[in-house]
Amino acid sequence: MREAVHAVIMYALLIGVGTIILMPLSWMLTAALRGPGEVVYTVPVSWFPTKSFHFENFMTVLTYKGYPLWRPLANTLYLVVLNVLGVLISNTLVAYAFARLRFPGKEFLFRIVILTMLMPGIVLMVPSFLLFNALGWYGTYLPLWVPSFFANAWSIFITRQYMRSFPRDLDDAARIDGCGYFGIYRRIILPLCKPVMTVLAVFTFQGVWNDFTGPLIYLKDAEKFTLAIALDYFRRSAFSTVSVNTTNLVMAASLLSVIPMLVLYFAVQRQLIGGIASVGLKG
């Protein structure tokens, strides 16, 4: 009886918390499906769509004459792909060296890498801007994806800890079969690192997709804007060129920016949760 009561209480709490978390998303969907000129802010609040079902609003924001959002969407996906590739390649290579190779000063260098995690990112913002500006990269996508190919301390740490959990016998057996260091990395270590690579890919996707500061600093051409800063640009464009209430279009655009993250989470939910758990247990 005690276990049954505990299960009922836990499920009730989870359902209650989940409902509260989903309420803003539900209101956003309700507002996004409103027709042109319809009142969005109603009393009492309408949490679920009941009357208006204008699904064409989503196509409208993608092809809007004032500022179509399909281009920022494509720009963001372009940066996501490059950053995910950069993070997976660079961090697994560096972590492999720290976890599986033996060379003088390895532990000292790893401590230096860990110390960089204590430095706030805001401190590096001005030096990074001056460096990229001196290289002539201001106004381009280069500052937004090139750094991902140089690894970062947090990703190196969790990948290195995961790689250290593999037995050394795997390296020795592969070396007997004629594999070199890179062969062991590509044929043995990488296939075993799929859980931690999934974690890195999802976190990188989320960070780049939601990044507002980077594109705001380095991009000056509206055609190169990413989705995060294009939403505000679209909001101002829609309200300035249309006489009727366009809050429904703004909500539709905001909902479109959320959908890829939801799809990604449900697509890799099992691998992501398992990867986070295994990263926390191994090493």
C-alpha atoms as a PDB file:
ATOM      1  CA  MET A   1       0.000   0.000   0.000  1.00  0.00           C
ATOM      2  CA  ARG A   2       2.847   2.380   0.849  1.00  0.00           C
ATOM      3  CA  GLU A   3       4.497   1.797  -2.541  1.00  0.00           C
ATOM      4  CA  ALA A   4       1.185   2.364  -4.336  1.00  0.00           C
ATOM      5  CA  VAL A   5       0.569   5.630  -2.498  1.00  0.00           C
ATOM      6  CA  HIS A   6       4.124   6.738  -3.239  1.00  0.00           C
ATOM      7  CA  ALA A   7       3.671   5.957  -6.949  1.00  0.00           C
ATOM      8  CA  VAL A   8       0.362   7.860  -7.104  1.00  0.00           C
ATOM      9  CA  ILE A   9       1.899  10.912  -5.419  1.00  0.00           C
ATOM     10  CA  MET A  10       4.955  10.882  -7.679  1.00  0.00           C
ATOM     11  CA  TYR A  11       2.912  10.542 -10.881  1.00  0.00           C
ATOM     12  CA  ALA A  12       0.557  13.290  -9.718  1.00  0.00           C
ATOM     13  CA  LEU A  13       3.505  15.605  -9.063  1.00  0.00           C
ATOM     14  CA  LEU A  14       5.094  14.781 -12.410  1.00  0.00           C
ATOM     15  CA  ILE A  15       1.843  15.363 -14.292  1.00  0.00           C
ATOM     16  CA  GLY A  16       1.276  18.638 -12.424  1.00  0.00           C
ATOM     17  CA  VAL A  17       4.785  19.934 -13.070  1.00  0.00           C
ATOM     18  CA  GLY A  18       4.638  18.799 -16.710  1.00  0.00           C
ATOM     19  CA  THR A  19       1.338  20.596 -17.192  1.00  0.00           C
ATOM     20  CA  ILE A  20       2.730  23.815 -15.759  1.00  0.00           C
ATOM     21  CA  ILE A  21       5.803  23.588 -17.990  1.00  0.00           C
ATOM     22  CA  LEU A  22       3.688  22.962 -21.113  1.00  0.00           C
ATOM     23  CA  MET A  23       1.173  25.753 -20.439  1.00  0.00           C
ATOM     24  CA  PRO A  24       3.232  28.521 -22.111  1.00  0.00           C
ATOM     25  CA  LEU A  25       3.795  26.283 -25.133  1.00  0.00           C
ATOM     26  CA  SER A  26       0.080  25.530 -25.278  1.00  0.00           C
ATOM     27  CA  TRP A  27      -0.785  29.232 -25.168  1.00  0.00           C
ATOM     28  CA  MET A  28       1.792  29.909 -27.884  1.00  0.00           C
ATOM     29  CA  LEU A  29       0.113  27.315 -30.116  1.00  0.00           C
ATOM     30  CA  THR A  30      -3.315  28.815 -29.398  1.00  0.00           C
ATOM     31  CA  ALA A  31      -2.077  32.297 -30.282  1.00  0.00           C
ATOM     32  CA  ALA A  32      -0.263  31.063 -33.393  1.00  0.00           C
ATOM     33  CA  LEU A  33      -3.476  29.567 -34.787  1.00  0.00           C
ATOM     34  CA  ARG A  34      -5.443  32.804 -34.479  1.00  0.00           C
ATOM     35  CA  GLY A  35      -6.649  34.497 -37.641  1.00  0.00           C
ATOM     36  CA  PRO A  36      -5.578  37.962 -38.876  1.00  0.00           C
ATOM     37  CA  GLY A  37      -6.745  40.674 -36.496  1.00  0.00           C
ATOM     38  CA  GLU A  38      -8.114  38.244 -33.896  1.00  0.00           C
ATOM     39  CA  VAL A  39      -7.603  39.066 -30.222  1.00  0.00           C
ATOM     40  CA  VAL A  40      -4.756  36.987 -28.795  1.00  0.00           C
ATOM     41  CA  TYR A  41      -4.717  38.183 -25.196  1.00  0.00           C
ATOM     42  CA  THR A  42      -8.104  37.055 -23.923  1.00  0.00           C
ATOM     43  CA  VAL A  43      -9.687  36.976 -20.473  1.00  0.00           C
ATOM     44  CA  PRO A  44      -9.963  34.258 -19.345  1.00  0.00           C
ATOM     45  CA  VAL A  45      -6.804  32.977 -20.986  1.00  0.00           C
ATOM     46  CA  SER A  46      -7.319  30.414 -23.739  1.00  0.00           C
ATOM     47  CA  TRP A  47      -4.784  27.662 -23.111  1.00  0.00           C
ATOM     48  CA  PHE A  48      -5.842  25.309 -25.899  1.00  0.00           C
ATOM     49  CA  PRO A  49      -6.949  26.012 -29.488  1.00  0.00           C
ATOM     50  CA  THR A  50     -10.722  25.640 -29.685  1.00  0.00           C
ATOM     51  CA  LYS A  51     -12.037  27.875 -32.495  1.00  0.00           C
ATOM     52  CA  SER A  52      -9.234  29.163 -34.717  1.00  0.00           C
ATOM     53  CA  PHE A  53      -7.122  26.722 -36.691  1.00  0.00           C
ATOM     54  CA  HIS A  54      -5.214  28.880 -39.164  1.00  0.00           C
ATOM     55  CA  PHE A  55      -2.297  26.541 -39.896  1.00  0.00           C
ATOM     56  CA  GLU A  56      -1.418  28.679 -42.884  1.00  0.00           C
ATOM     57  CA  ASN A  57       0.156  31.143 -40.444  1.00  0.00           C
ATOM     58  CA  PHE A  58       3.247  28.934 -40.266  1.00  0.00           C
ATOM     59  CA  MET A  59       3.720  29.061 -44.030  1.00  0.00           C
ATOM     60  CA  THR A  60       3.035  32.799 -43.954  1.00  0.00           C
ATOM     61  CA  VAL A  61       5.939  33.532 -41.599  1.00  0.00           C
ATOM     62  CA  LEU A  62       8.292  31.387 -43.674  1.00  0.00           C
ATOM     63  CA  THR A  63       7.411  33.254 -46.891  1.00  0.00           C
ATOM     64  CA  TYR A  64       6.534  36.673 -45.414  1.00  0.00           C
ATOM     65  CA  LYS A  65       7.276  39.435 -47.944  1.00  0.00           C
ATOM     66  CA  GLY A  66       8.691  41.842 -45.387  1.00  0.00           C
ATOM     67  CA  TYR A  67      11.184  39.369 -43.922  1.00  0.00           C
ATOM     68  CA  PRO A  68      10.756  35.643 -44.728  1.00  0.00           C
ATOM     69  CA  LEU A  69      12.041  33.362 -41.976  1.00  0.00           C
ATOM     70  CA  TRP A  70      13.083  30.490 -44.211  1.00  0.00           C
ATOM     71  CA  ARG A  71      16.459  32.158 -44.793  1.00  0.00           C
ATOM     72  CA  PRO A  72      17.350  32.596 -41.069  1.00  0.00           C
ATOM     73  CA  LEU A  73      16.174  29.027 -40.532  1.00  0.00           C
ATOM     74  CA  ALA A  74      18.563  27.792 -43.222  1.00  0.00           C
ATOM     75  CA  ASN A  75      21.368  29.968 -41.821  1.00  0.00           C
ATOM     76  CA  THR A  76      20.895  28.497 -38.357  1.00  0.00           C
ATOM     77  CA  LEU A  77      20.877  24.928 -39.657  1.00  0.00           C
ATOM     78  CA  TYR A  78      24.071  25.676 -41.569  1.00  0.00           C
ATOM     79  CA  LEU A  79      25.812  26.843 -38.395  1.00  0.00           C
ATOM     80  CA  VAL A  80      24.414  23.918 -36.404  1.00  0.00           C
ATOM     81  CA  VAL A  81      25.862  21.362 -38.820  1.00  0.00           C
ATOM     82  CA  LEU A  82      29.307  22.998 -38.860  1.00  0.00           C
ATOM     83  CA  ASN A  83      29.439  23.381 -35.078  1.00  0.00           C
ATOM     84  CA  VAL A  84      28.316  19.820 -34.398  1.00  0.00           C
ATOM     85  CA  LEU A  85      30.960  18.481 -36.788  1.00  0.00           C
ATOM     86  CA  GLY A  86      33.618  20.694 -35.242  1.00  0.00           C
ATOM     87  CA  VAL A  87      32.757  19.731 -31.680  1.00  0.00           C
ATOM     88  CA  LEU A  88      32.646  15.998 -32.391  1.00  0.00           C
ATOM     89  CA  ILE A  89      35.892  15.944 -34.369  1.00  0.00           C
ATOM     90  CA  SER A  90      38.029  18.252 -32.238  1.00  0.00           C
ATOM     91  CA  ASN A  91      36.902  17.171 -28.775  1.00  0.00           C
ATOM     92  CA  THR A  92      37.136  13.443 -29.441  1.00  0.00           C
ATOM     93  CA  LEU A  93      40.643  13.866 -30.870  1.00  0.00           C
ATOM     94  CA  VAL A  94      41.888  15.911 -27.919  1.00  0.00           C
ATOM     95  CA  ALA A  95      40.150  13.678 -25.391  1.00  0.00           C
ATOM     96  CA  TYR A  96      41.644  10.599 -27.066  1.00  0.00           C
ATOM     97  CA  ALA A  97      45.131  12.029 -26.606  1.00  0.00           C
ATOM     98  CA  PHE A  98      44.522  12.784 -22.926  1.00  0.00           C
ATOM     99  CA  ALA A  99      42.779   9.480 -22.213  1.00  0.00           C
ATOM    100  CA  ARG A 100      44.678   6.863 -24.222  1.00  0.00           C
ATOM    101  CA  LEU A 101      48.127   8.219 -25.112  1.00  0.00           C
ATOM    102  CA  ARG A 102      51.215   8.615 -22.952  1.00  0.00           C
ATOM    103  CA  PHE A 103      53.404  11.685 -23.398  1.00  0.00           C
ATOM    104  CA  PRO A 104      55.388  13.997 -21.100  1.00  0.00           C
ATOM    105  CA  GLY A 105      53.376  16.705 -19.386  1.00  0.00           C
ATOM    106  CA  LYS A 106      50.006  15.151 -20.160  1.00  0.00           C
ATOM    107  CA  GLU A 107      48.551  15.620 -16.679  1.00  0.00           C
ATOM    108  CA  PHE A 108      49.878  19.169 -16.434  1.00  0.00           C
ATOM    109  CA  LEU A 109      48.332  20.125 -19.782  1.00  0.00           C
ATOM    110  CA  PHE A 110      45.040  18.544 -18.760  1.00  0.00           C
ATOM    111  CA  ARG A 111      45.009  20.599 -15.561  1.00  0.00           C
ATOM    112  CA  ILE A 112      45.540  23.730 -17.640  1.00  0.00           C
ATOM    113  CA  VAL A 113      42.577  22.758 -19.815  1.00  0.00           C
ATOM    114  CA  ILE A 114      40.402  22.262 -16.728  1.00  0.00           C
ATOM    115  CA  LEU A 115      41.491  25.632 -15.324  1.00  0.00           C
ATOM    116  CA  THR A 116      40.120  27.359 -18.420  1.00  0.00           C
ATOM    117  CA  MET A 117      36.640  26.243 -17.341  1.00  0.00           C
ATOM    118  CA  LEU A 118      36.888  28.711 -14.446  1.00  0.00           C
ATOM    119  CA  MET A 119      37.231  31.674 -16.811  1.00  0.00           C
ATOM    120  CA  PRO A 120      33.858  33.364 -17.509  1.00  0.00           C
ATOM    121  CA  GLY A 121      32.935  33.507 -21.160  1.00  0.00           C
ATOM    122  CA  ILE A 122      32.072  37.199 -20.873  1.00  0.00           C
ATOM    123  CA  VAL A 123      35.757  37.946 -20.182  1.00  0.00           C
ATOM    124  CA  LEU A 124      36.753  36.576 -23.594  1.00  0.00           C
ATOM    125  CA  MET A 125      34.070  38.439 -25.526  1.00  0.00           C
ATOM    126  CA  VAL A 126      36.045  41.631 -26.219  1.00  0.00           C
ATOM    127  CA  PRO A 127      39.405  39.927 -26.987  1.00  0.00           C
ATOM    128  CA  SER A 128      37.631  37.476 -29.289  1.00  0.00           C
ATOM    129  CA  PHE A 129      35.875  40.292 -31.127  1.00  0.00           C
ATOM    130  CA  LEU A 130      39.145  42.214 -31.572  1.00  0.00           C
ATOM    131  CA  LEU A 131      40.881  39.080 -32.862  1.00  0.00           C
ATOM    132  CA  PHE A 132      38.168  38.146 -35.343  1.00  0.00           C
ATOM    133  CA  ASN A 133      37.836  41.757 -36.477  1.00  0.00           C
ATOM    134  CA  ALA A 134      41.579  41.944 -37.104  1.00  0.00           C
ATOM    135  CA  LEU A 135      41.344  38.759 -39.174  1.00  0.00           C
ATOM    136  CA  GLY A 136      38.612  40.349 -41.293  1.00  0.00           C
ATOM    137  CA  TRP A 137      35.967  37.911 -40.111  1.00  0.00           C
ATOM    138  CA  TYR A 138      33.492  40.505 -38.865  1.00  0.00           C
ATOM    139  CA  GLY A 139      30.242  40.247 -40.781  1.00  0.00           C
ATOM    140  CA  THR A 140      30.848  36.602 -41.726  1.00  0.00           C
ATOM    141  CA  TYR A 141      29.911  33.233 -40.222  1.00  0.00           C
ATOM    142  CA  LEU A 142      33.530  32.308 -39.486  1.00  0.00           C
ATOM    143  CA  PRO A 143      33.579  33.502 -35.837  1.00  0.00           C
ATOM    144  CA  LEU A 144      30.433  31.457 -35.210  1.00  0.00           C
ATOM    145  CA  TRP A 145      31.765  28.060 -36.306  1.00  0.00           C
ATOM    146  CA  VAL A 146      35.566  28.051 -36.606  1.00  0.00           C
ATOM    147  CA  PRO A 147      36.132  28.015 -32.790  1.00  0.00           C
ATOM    148  CA  SER A 148      34.184  24.748 -32.555  1.00  0.00           C
ATOM    149  CA  PHE A 149      37.057  23.000 -34.380  1.00  0.00           C
ATOM    150  CA  PHE A 150      39.441  23.893 -31.526  1.00  0.00           C
ATOM    151  CA  ALA A 151      37.618  21.969 -28.760  1.00  0.00           C
ATOM    152  CA  ASN A 152      36.466  23.278 -25.385  1.00  0.00           C
ATOM    153  CA  ALA A 153      37.329  22.288 -21.852  1.00  0.00           C
ATOM    154  CA  TRP A 154      33.955  20.904 -20.750  1.00  0.00           C
ATOM    155  CA  SER A 155      33.551  18.640 -23.774  1.00  0.00           C
ATOM    156  CA  ILE A 156      37.147  17.464 -23.500  1.00  0.00           C
ATOM    157  CA  PHE A 157      36.649  16.607 -19.850  1.00  0.00           C
ATOM    158  CA  ILE A 158      33.511  14.484 -20.178  1.00  0.00           C
ATOM    159  CA  THR A 159      34.803  12.749 -23.325  1.00  0.00           C
ATOM    160  CA  ARG A 160      38.149  12.015 -21.731  1.00  0.00           C
ATOM    161  CA  GLN A 161      36.495  10.589 -18.616  1.00  0.00           C
ATOM    162  CA  TYR A 162      34.334   8.355 -20.785  1.00  0.00           C
ATOM    163  CA  MET A 163      37.272   7.116 -22.859  1.00  0.00           C
ATOM    164  CA  ARG A 164      39.273   6.263 -19.757  1.00  0.00           C
ATOM    165  CA  SER A 165      36.657   3.649 -18.840  1.00  0.00           C
ATOM    166  CA  PHE A 166      37.645   1.465 -21.816  1.00  0.00           C
ATOM    167  CA  PRO A 167      40.152  -1.315 -20.981  1.00  0.00           C
ATOM    168  CA  ARG A 168      43.680  -0.849 -22.306  1.00  0.00           C
ATOM    169  CA  ASP A 169      43.530  -4.366 -23.736  1.00  0.00           C
ATOM    170  CA  LEU A 170      41.490  -2.972 -26.630  1.00  0.00           C
ATOM    171  CA  ASP A 171      44.385  -0.725 -27.647  1.00  0.00           C
ATOM    172  CA  ASP A 172      46.923  -3.529 -27.270  1.00  0.00           C
ATOM    173  CA  ALA A 173      44.842  -5.955 -29.345  1.00  0.00           C
ATOM    174  CA  ALA A 174      44.339  -3.370 -32.079  1.00  0.00           C
ATOM    175  CA  ARG A 175      48.055  -2.540 -32.061  1.00  0.00           C
ATOM    176  CA  ILE A 176      48.899  -6.237 -32.492  1.00  0.00           C
ATOM    177  CA  ASP A 177      46.572  -6.303 -35.515  1.00  0.00           C
ATOM    178  CA  GLY A 178      48.547  -3.458 -37.070  1.00  0.00           C
ATOM    179  CA  CYS A 179      46.497  -0.397 -36.087  1.00  0.00           C
ATOM    180  CA  GLY A 180      48.290   2.848 -35.370  1.00  0.00           C
ATOM    181  CA  TYR A 181      47.112   5.574 -33.038  1.00  0.00           C
ATOM    182  CA  PHE A 182      44.676   7.039 -35.528  1.00  0.00           C
ATOM    183  CA  GLY A 183      43.434   3.585 -36.510  1.00  0.00           C
ATOM    184  CA  ILE A 184      42.655   2.778 -32.880  1.00  0.00           C
ATOM    185  CA  TYR A 185      40.866   6.118 -32.538  1.00  0.00           C
ATOM    186  CA  ARG A 186      38.771   5.616 -35.668  1.00  0.00           C
ATOM    187  CA  ARG A 187      38.059   1.888 -35.479  1.00  0.00           C
ATOM    188  CA  ILE A 188      37.924   1.182 -31.738  1.00  0.00           C
ATOM    189  CA  ILE A 189      37.369   4.314 -29.653  1.00  0.00           C
ATOM    190  CA  LEU A 190      34.903   6.288 -31.783  1.00  0.00           C
ATOM    191  CA  PRO A 191      32.334   3.452 -32.149  1.00  0.00           C
ATOM    192  CA  LEU A 192      32.380   3.021 -28.362  1.00  0.00           C
ATOM    193  CA  CYS A 193      31.879   6.750 -27.784  1.00  0.00           C
ATOM    194  CA  LYS A 194      28.466   7.051 -29.426  1.00  0.00           C
ATOM    195  CA  PRO A 195      26.661   7.810 -26.104  1.00  0.00           C
ATOM    196  CA  VAL A 196      28.949  10.690 -25.142  1.00  0.00           C
ATOM    197  CA  MET A 197      29.019  11.954 -28.742  1.00  0.00           C
ATOM    198  CA  THR A 198      25.223  12.047 -28.700  1.00  0.00           C
ATOM    199  CA  VAL A 199      25.350  14.203 -25.573  1.00  0.00           C
ATOM    200  CA  LEU A 200      27.869  16.569 -27.177  1.00  0.00           C
ATOM    201  CA  ALA A 201      25.869  16.804 -30.407  1.00  0.00           C
ATOM    202  CA  VAL A 202      22.565  17.575 -28.657  1.00  0.00           C
ATOM    203  CA  PHE A 203      24.081  20.173 -26.318  1.00  0.00           C
ATOM    204  CA  THR A 204      25.904  21.802 -29.232  1.00  0.00           C
ATOM    205  CA  PHE A 205      22.723  21.848 -31.312  1.00  0.00           C
ATOM    206  CA  GLN A 206      20.854  23.497 -28.461  1.00  0.00           C
ATOM    207  CA  GLY A 207      23.592  26.050 -27.811  1.00  0.00           C
ATOM    208  CA  VAL A 208      23.945  27.117 -31.455  1.00  0.00           C
ATOM    209  CA  TRP A 209      20.195  27.093 -32.114  1.00  0.00           C
ATOM    210  CA  ASN A 210      19.496  29.361 -29.141  1.00  0.00           C
ATOM    211  CA  ASP A 211      22.617  31.516 -29.485  1.00  0.00           C
ATOM    212  CA  PHE A 212      21.667  35.180 -29.549  1.00  0.00           C
ATOM    213  CA  THR A 213      24.833  37.004 -28.460  1.00  0.00           C
ATOM    214  CA  GLY A 214      27.229  35.605 -31.059  1.00  0.00           C
ATOM    215  CA  PRO A 215      25.170  36.405 -34.178  1.00  0.00           C
ATOM    216  CA  LEU A 216      24.187  39.763 -32.693  1.00  0.00           C
ATOM    217  CA  ILE A 217      27.858  40.744 -32.309  1.00  0.00           C
ATOM    218  CA  TYR A 218      29.362  39.390 -35.513  1.00  0.00           C
ATOM    219  CA  LEU A 219      26.575  39.621 -38.107  1.00  0.00           C
ATOM    220  CA  LYS A 220      25.485  42.906 -39.668  1.00  0.00           C
ATOM    221  CA  ASP A 221      23.666  41.770 -42.824  1.00  0.00           C
ATOM    222  CA  ALA A 222      19.983  40.894 -42.305  1.00  0.00           C
ATOM    223  CA  GLU A 223      20.248  38.119 -44.899  1.00  0.00           C
ATOM    224  CA  LYS A 224      22.806  36.341 -42.676  1.00  0.00           C
ATOM    225  CA  PHE A 225      20.818  36.582 -39.448  1.00  0.00           C
ATOM    226  CA  THR A 226      20.155  33.406 -37.511  1.00  0.00           C
ATOM    227  CA  LEU A 227      16.724  32.505 -36.225  1.00  0.00           C
ATOM    228  CA  ALA A 228      17.345  33.784 -32.686  1.00  0.00           C
ATOM    229  CA  ILE A 229      17.902  37.401 -33.752  1.00  0.00           C
ATOM    230  CA  ALA A 230      15.683  37.189 -36.836  1.00  0.00           C
ATOM    231  CA  LEU A 231      12.610  36.710 -34.653  1.00  0.00           C
ATOM    232  CA  ASP A 232      12.904  40.229 -33.261  1.00  0.00           C
ATOM    233  CA  TYR A 233      13.682  41.587 -36.719  1.00  0.00           C
ATOM    234  CA  PHE A 234      10.580  39.814 -38.041  1.00  0.00           C
ATOM    235  CA  ARG A 235       8.443  41.141 -35.173  1.00  0.00           C
ATOM    236  CA  ARG A 236       9.410  44.738 -35.895  1.00  0.00           C
ATOM    237  CA  SER A 237       8.949  44.217 -39.641  1.00  0.00           C
ATOM    238  CA  ALA A 238       5.519  42.643 -39.229  1.00  0.00           C
ATOM    239  CA  PHE A 239       4.194  45.294 -36.837  1.00  0.00           C
ATOM    240  CA  SER A 240       5.499  48.189 -38.936  1.00  0.00           C
ATOM    241  CA  THR A 241       4.123  47.062 -42.315  1.00  0.00           C
ATOM    242  CA  VAL A 242       0.710  45.646 -41.333  1.00  0.00           C
ATOM    243  CA  SER A 243      -2.097  47.671 -39.787  1.00  0.00           C
ATOM    244  CA  VAL A 244      -3.852  44.722 -38.097  1.00  0.00           C
ATOM    245  CA  ASN A 245      -2.653  42.780 -35.069  1.00  0.00           C
ATOM    246  CA  THR A 246       0.142  40.390 -36.117  1.00  0.00           C
ATOM    247  CA  THR A 247       0.846  38.799 -32.739  1.00  0.00           C
ATOM    248  CA  ASN A 248      -0.411  35.516 -34.172  1.00  0.00           C
ATOM    249  CA  LEU A 249       2.362  35.587 -36.775  1.00  0.00           C
ATOM    250  CA  VAL A 250       4.971  36.374 -34.136  1.00  0.00           C
ATOM    251  CA  MET A 251       3.774  33.446 -32.032  1.00  0.00           C
ATOM    252  CA  ALA A 252       3.811  31.187 -35.097  1.00  0.00           C
ATOM    253  CA  ALA A 253       7.389  32.214 -35.813  1.00  0.00           C
ATOM    254  CA  SER A 254       8.376  31.610 -32.182  1.00  0.00           C
ATOM    255  CA  LEU A 255       6.746  28.185 -32.233  1.00  0.00           C
ATOM    256  CA  LEU A 256       8.607  27.280 -35.407  1.00  0.00           C
ATOM    257  CA  SER A 257      11.868  28.070 -33.623  1.00  0.00           C
ATOM    258  CA  VAL A 258      10.944  25.648 -30.825  1.00  0.00           C
ATOM    259  CA  ILE A 259       9.818  22.711 -32.973  1.00  0.00           C
ATOM    260  CA  PRO A 260      13.303  21.553 -34.128  1.00  0.00           C
ATOM    261  CA  MET A 261      14.498  21.256 -30.522  1.00  0.00           C
ATOM    262  CA  LEU A 262      11.399  19.241 -29.582  1.00  0.00           C
ATOM    263  CA  VAL A 263      11.826  16.951 -32.588  1.00  0.00           C
ATOM    264  CA  LEU A 264      15.507  16.445 -31.768  1.00  0.00           C
ATOM    265  CA  TYR A 265      14.755  15.601 -28.148  1.00  0.00           C
ATOM    266  CA  PHE A 266      12.091  13.026 -28.983  1.00  0.00           C
ATOM    267  CA  ALA A 267      14.289  11.547 -31.725  1.00  0.00           C
ATOM    268  CA  VAL A 268      17.293  10.943 -29.460  1.00  0.00           C
ATOM    269  CA  GLN A 269      15.583  10.835 -26.077  1.00  0.00           C
ATOM    270  CA  ARG A 270      16.667   7.308 -25.206  1.00  0.00           C
ATOM    271  CA  GLN A 271      20.237   7.778 -26.451  1.00  0.00           C
ATOM    272  CA  LEU A 272      20.514  11.160 -24.746  1.00  0.00           C
ATOM    273  CA  ILE A 273      19.320   9.986 -21.330  1.00  0.00           C
ATOM    274  CA  GLY A 274      21.412   6.830 -21.571  1.00  0.00           C
ATOM    275  CA  GLY A 275      24.426   8.842 -22.676  1.00  0.00           C
ATOM    276  CA  ILE A 276      24.130  11.312 -19.800  1.00  0.00           C
ATOM    277  CA  ALA A 277      23.746   8.442 -17.326  1.00  0.00           C
ATOM    278  CA  SER A 278      26.735   6.548 -18.709  1.00  0.00           C
ATOM    279  CA  VAL A 279      28.886   9.687 -18.787  1.00  0.00           C
ATOM    280  CA  GLY A 280      28.040  10.273 -15.146  1.00  0.00           C
ATOM    281  CA  LEU A 281      28.812   6.682 -14.133  1.00  0.00           C
ATOM    282  CA  LYS A 282      31.923   5.977 -16.173  1.00  0.00           C
ATOM    283  CA  GLY A 283      35.320   7.506 -15.638  1.00  0.00           C
END
